Amino acid sequence: MRKIIFLLVLMLSTTYLQARVNNMFAQQIAENKKYNNTIREFMAQSYKIKNLVHDSYAHVVFPSIIKGGLIFGYASGDGRAYYRGGRWTGNVSITQYTFGVQVGGSSYSEIIFFKTREAFERFKLGEVEDSTQGSLVLFTGVSGDVNFDKDVEVYTLSKGGLMLEGSTGAQVFEYTQKP
C-alpha cells in the first residue's frame, strides 16, 4: 500500500511540475512574440529601419512605453537589447521625467539603434540622457526623433492617445545583462 501511495504522489508531483514548466515556456513564447511583432511593425513602416535592424551593432526594443503629463510628465516602459543578428543580450527599462507645456497621455513603441559598439557600451552604463521633445499625438505612425549622437538613431511608433507636448527633461535607462 505504501508503494502505491508513493507512486501516486510521485505521479501527481511530476504532473504538477510538468504543468508549471509548460506554463513557463508558454509565457516565454508570448513574451518573445511581443518583441518580434514590435520589430516587424517597425520594419514594415520603413525600409531604413529594416536595414538598421540587420546592420546596426545593437538595438533596444520597447514594445510599449506609457506617457502622461500635465506640466510635469512621466513615461516608463520595459524593453530588451539585441546584438546584431537578433541575439537577446539584456533587459532595459526606461524612465522619463519631463517639464514644460504638456497635457494628455499616449502609448508608443520605441526602438533605439546603436551603430557602433562604443555607443552601445555608453548606453549600458545607464547614464542620464537629455530629452527635449515636441509632439502632437492624434494618430498612429512611425517617426524619427532628434538624434544627438551620430552613432545612435531613435524611432517611435505611436500606438494612440491624445497628447500635446513641448517639454524638456531627462531619461534614465537601466540595462541588466541577461544571465
Protein backbone atom coordinates (compact mmCIF):
# COMPACT_ATOMS: atom_id res chain seq x y z
CA MET A 1 0.00 0.00 0.00
CA ARG A 2 2.87 2.42 0.78
CA LYS A 3 4.34 1.79 -2.66
CA ILE A 4 1.04 2.64 -4.32
CA ILE A 5 0.69 5.88 -2.32
CA PHE A 6 4.32 6.76 -3.07
CA LEU A 7 3.78 6.14 -6.80
CA LEU A 8 0.57 8.17 -6.77
CA VAL A 9 2.29 11.11 -5.02
CA LEU A 10 5.22 10.83 -7.43
CA MET A 11 2.89 10.87 -10.46
CA LEU A 12 0.91 13.87 -9.14
CA SER A 13 4.13 15.77 -8.35
CA THR A 14 5.53 15.05 -11.79
CA THR A 15 2.30 16.14 -13.47
CA TYR A 16 2.23 19.37 -11.43
CA LEU A 17 5.87 20.17 -12.23
CA GLN A 18 5.32 19.46 -15.93
CA ALA A 19 2.31 21.81 -15.97
CA ARG A 20 4.41 24.56 -14.33
CA VAL A 21 7.22 24.10 -16.86
CA ASN A 22 4.74 24.18 -19.77
CA ASN A 23 3.18 27.37 -18.40
CA MET A 24 6.62 28.98 -18.04
CA PHE A 25 7.51 28.11 -21.65
CA ALA A 26 4.15 29.44 -22.88
CA GLN A 27 4.83 32.76 -21.11
CA GLN A 28 8.32 32.98 -22.63
CA ILE A 29 6.93 32.30 -26.10
CA ALA A 30 4.27 35.02 -25.67
CA GLU A 31 6.90 37.49 -24.43
CA ASN A 32 9.25 36.73 -27.35
CA LYS A 33 6.35 37.10 -29.78
CA LYS A 34 5.56 40.57 -28.37
CA TYR A 35 9.11 41.76 -29.10
CA ASN A 36 9.27 40.11 -32.52
CA ASN A 37 5.95 41.66 -33.53
CA THR A 38 7.15 45.11 -32.45
CA ILE A 39 10.31 44.77 -34.55
CA ARG A 40 8.23 43.60 -37.53
CA GLU A 41 5.87 46.59 -37.15
CA PHE A 42 8.81 49.00 -37.36
CA MET A 43 10.37 47.15 -40.29
CA ALA A 44 7.07 47.25 -42.20
CA GLN A 45 6.94 51.05 -41.79
CA SER A 46 10.38 51.85 -43.18
CA TYR A 47 13.00 50.24 -45.38
CA LYS A 48 15.66 52.23 -43.50
CA ILE A 49 14.59 50.63 -40.20
CA LYS A 50 14.72 47.20 -41.82
CA ASN A 51 18.33 47.85 -42.79
CA LEU A 52 19.19 49.20 -39.33
CA VAL A 53 17.82 46.05 -37.66
CA HIS A 54 20.29 43.99 -39.72
CA ASP A 55 23.24 46.40 -39.93
CA SER A 56 23.47 48.16 -36.56
CA TYR A 57 25.74 46.83 -33.82
CA ALA A 58 22.82 46.55 -31.37
CA HIS A 59 19.27 47.74 -30.90
CA VAL A 60 16.88 48.15 -27.99
CA VAL A 61 13.17 47.49 -28.42
CA PHE A 62 10.43 48.87 -26.16
CA PRO A 63 7.08 47.34 -27.20
CA SER A 64 5.10 49.74 -25.02
CA ILE A 65 6.01 52.97 -23.28
CA ILE A 66 3.20 54.75 -21.45
CA LYS A 67 3.47 58.52 -21.16
CA GLY A 68 1.36 61.16 -19.47
CA GLY A 69 1.67 64.72 -18.37
CA LEU A 70 0.15 67.95 -17.22
CA ILE A 71 3.03 70.43 -16.95
CA PHE A 72 5.08 67.66 -15.31
CA GLY A 73 5.32 64.44 -17.27
CA TYR A 74 6.33 60.86 -16.71
CA ALA A 75 6.91 57.90 -19.00
CA SER A 76 8.11 54.37 -18.43
CA GLY A 77 8.47 51.04 -20.16
CA ASP A 78 10.44 47.82 -20.34
CA GLY A 79 12.45 46.55 -23.26
CA ARG A 80 15.13 44.21 -24.50
CA ALA A 81 18.54 44.76 -26.02
CA TYR A 82 19.66 42.69 -29.01
CA TYR A 83 23.04 42.33 -30.68
CA ARG A 84 23.36 42.20 -34.45
CA GLY A 85 21.73 39.04 -35.67
CA GLY A 86 18.94 39.27 -33.12
CA ARG A 87 20.67 37.70 -30.10
CA TRP A 88 18.91 38.89 -26.93
CA THR A 89 21.59 40.26 -24.63
CA GLY A 90 19.78 42.01 -21.79
CA ASN A 91 16.74 43.76 -20.40
CA VAL A 92 16.29 47.53 -20.36
CA SER A 93 13.90 49.83 -18.54
CA ILE A 94 13.25 53.46 -19.40
CA THR A 95 12.02 56.17 -17.06
CA GLN A 96 11.48 59.68 -18.34
CA TYR A 97 10.73 62.85 -16.37
CA THR A 98 9.73 66.00 -18.25
CA PHE A 99 8.66 69.57 -17.57
CA GLY A 100 7.02 72.01 -19.94
CA VAL A 101 3.89 72.60 -21.93
CA GLN A 102 2.28 69.19 -21.96
CA VAL A 103 -1.16 67.77 -21.49
CA GLY A 104 -2.59 64.33 -22.16
CA GLY A 105 -1.33 60.82 -22.46
CA SER A 106 -0.07 58.43 -25.09
CA SER A 107 1.33 55.00 -25.65
CA TYR A 108 4.10 54.22 -28.11
CA SER A 109 6.74 51.71 -29.08
CA GLU A 110 10.37 52.74 -29.41
CA ILE A 111 13.44 51.25 -31.00
CA ILE A 112 16.95 52.61 -30.49
CA PHE A 113 19.74 51.64 -32.89
CA PHE A 114 23.40 51.73 -31.90
CA LYS A 115 25.65 51.81 -34.95
CA THR A 116 28.88 51.17 -33.01
CA ARG A 117 29.99 49.09 -30.05
CA GLU A 118 31.16 52.22 -28.26
CA ALA A 119 27.71 53.83 -28.46
CA PHE A 120 26.08 50.69 -27.07
CA GLU A 121 28.64 50.44 -24.24
CA ARG A 122 27.91 54.07 -23.25
CA PHE A 123 24.21 53.24 -23.21
CA LYS A 124 24.75 50.20 -20.99
CA LEU A 125 26.38 52.41 -18.35
CA GLY A 126 22.92 53.85 -17.70
CA GLU A 127 23.83 57.50 -17.83
CA VAL A 128 21.03 60.07 -17.77
CA GLU A 129 20.13 61.34 -21.23
CA ASP A 130 18.71 64.78 -22.03
CA SER A 131 15.24 64.59 -23.50
CA THR A 132 13.91 67.63 -25.33
CA GLN A 133 10.91 66.90 -27.46
CA GLY A 134 7.84 68.24 -29.12
CA SER A 135 4.92 66.10 -30.17
CA LEU A 136 1.29 66.11 -31.05
CA VAL A 137 -0.21 62.64 -30.85
CA LEU A 138 -3.54 62.26 -32.61
CA PHE A 139 -2.89 59.18 -34.71
CA THR A 140 -0.58 56.24 -35.11
CA GLY A 141 2.53 56.08 -37.27
CA VAL A 142 6.31 55.88 -37.20
CA SER A 143 8.51 58.89 -36.52
CA GLY A 144 12.21 59.53 -36.19
CA ASP A 145 13.26 61.53 -33.17
CA VAL A 146 16.02 64.11 -32.88
CA ASN A 147 19.34 62.28 -32.64
CA PHE A 148 22.04 63.88 -30.51
CA ASP A 149 24.66 61.23 -31.29
CA LYS A 150 25.74 60.30 -34.82
CA ASP A 151 26.02 56.64 -33.77
CA VAL A 152 22.50 56.40 -32.29
CA GLU A 153 19.12 56.58 -34.04
CA VAL A 154 15.77 56.54 -32.24
CA TYR A 155 12.40 55.75 -33.81
CA THR A 156 8.97 55.74 -32.22
CA LEU A 157 5.70 54.22 -33.36
CA SER A 158 2.63 55.82 -31.80
CA LYS A 159 0.02 53.36 -30.58
CA GLY A 160 -2.51 56.07 -29.79
CA GLY A 161 -3.60 58.55 -27.21
CA LEU A 162 -4.10 62.28 -27.16
CA MET A 163 -1.14 64.42 -26.15
CA LEU A 164 0.20 67.88 -26.85
CA GLU A 165 3.77 68.37 -25.70
CA GLY A 166 6.69 70.77 -25.79
CA SER A 167 8.94 69.70 -22.96
CA THR A 168 12.42 69.13 -21.67
CA GLY A 169 13.63 66.62 -19.12
CA ALA A 170 15.71 63.54 -18.57
CA GLN A 171 15.60 59.88 -19.49
CA VAL A 172 17.15 57.17 -17.38
CA PHE A 173 17.91 53.78 -18.91
CA GLU A 174 18.68 50.76 -16.76
CA TYR A 175 20.40 47.87 -18.51
CA THR A 176 20.55 44.40 -16.96
CA GLN A 177 22.71 41.78 -18.65
CA LYS A 178 20.84 38.60 -19.50
CA PRO A 179 22.22 35.69 -17.42
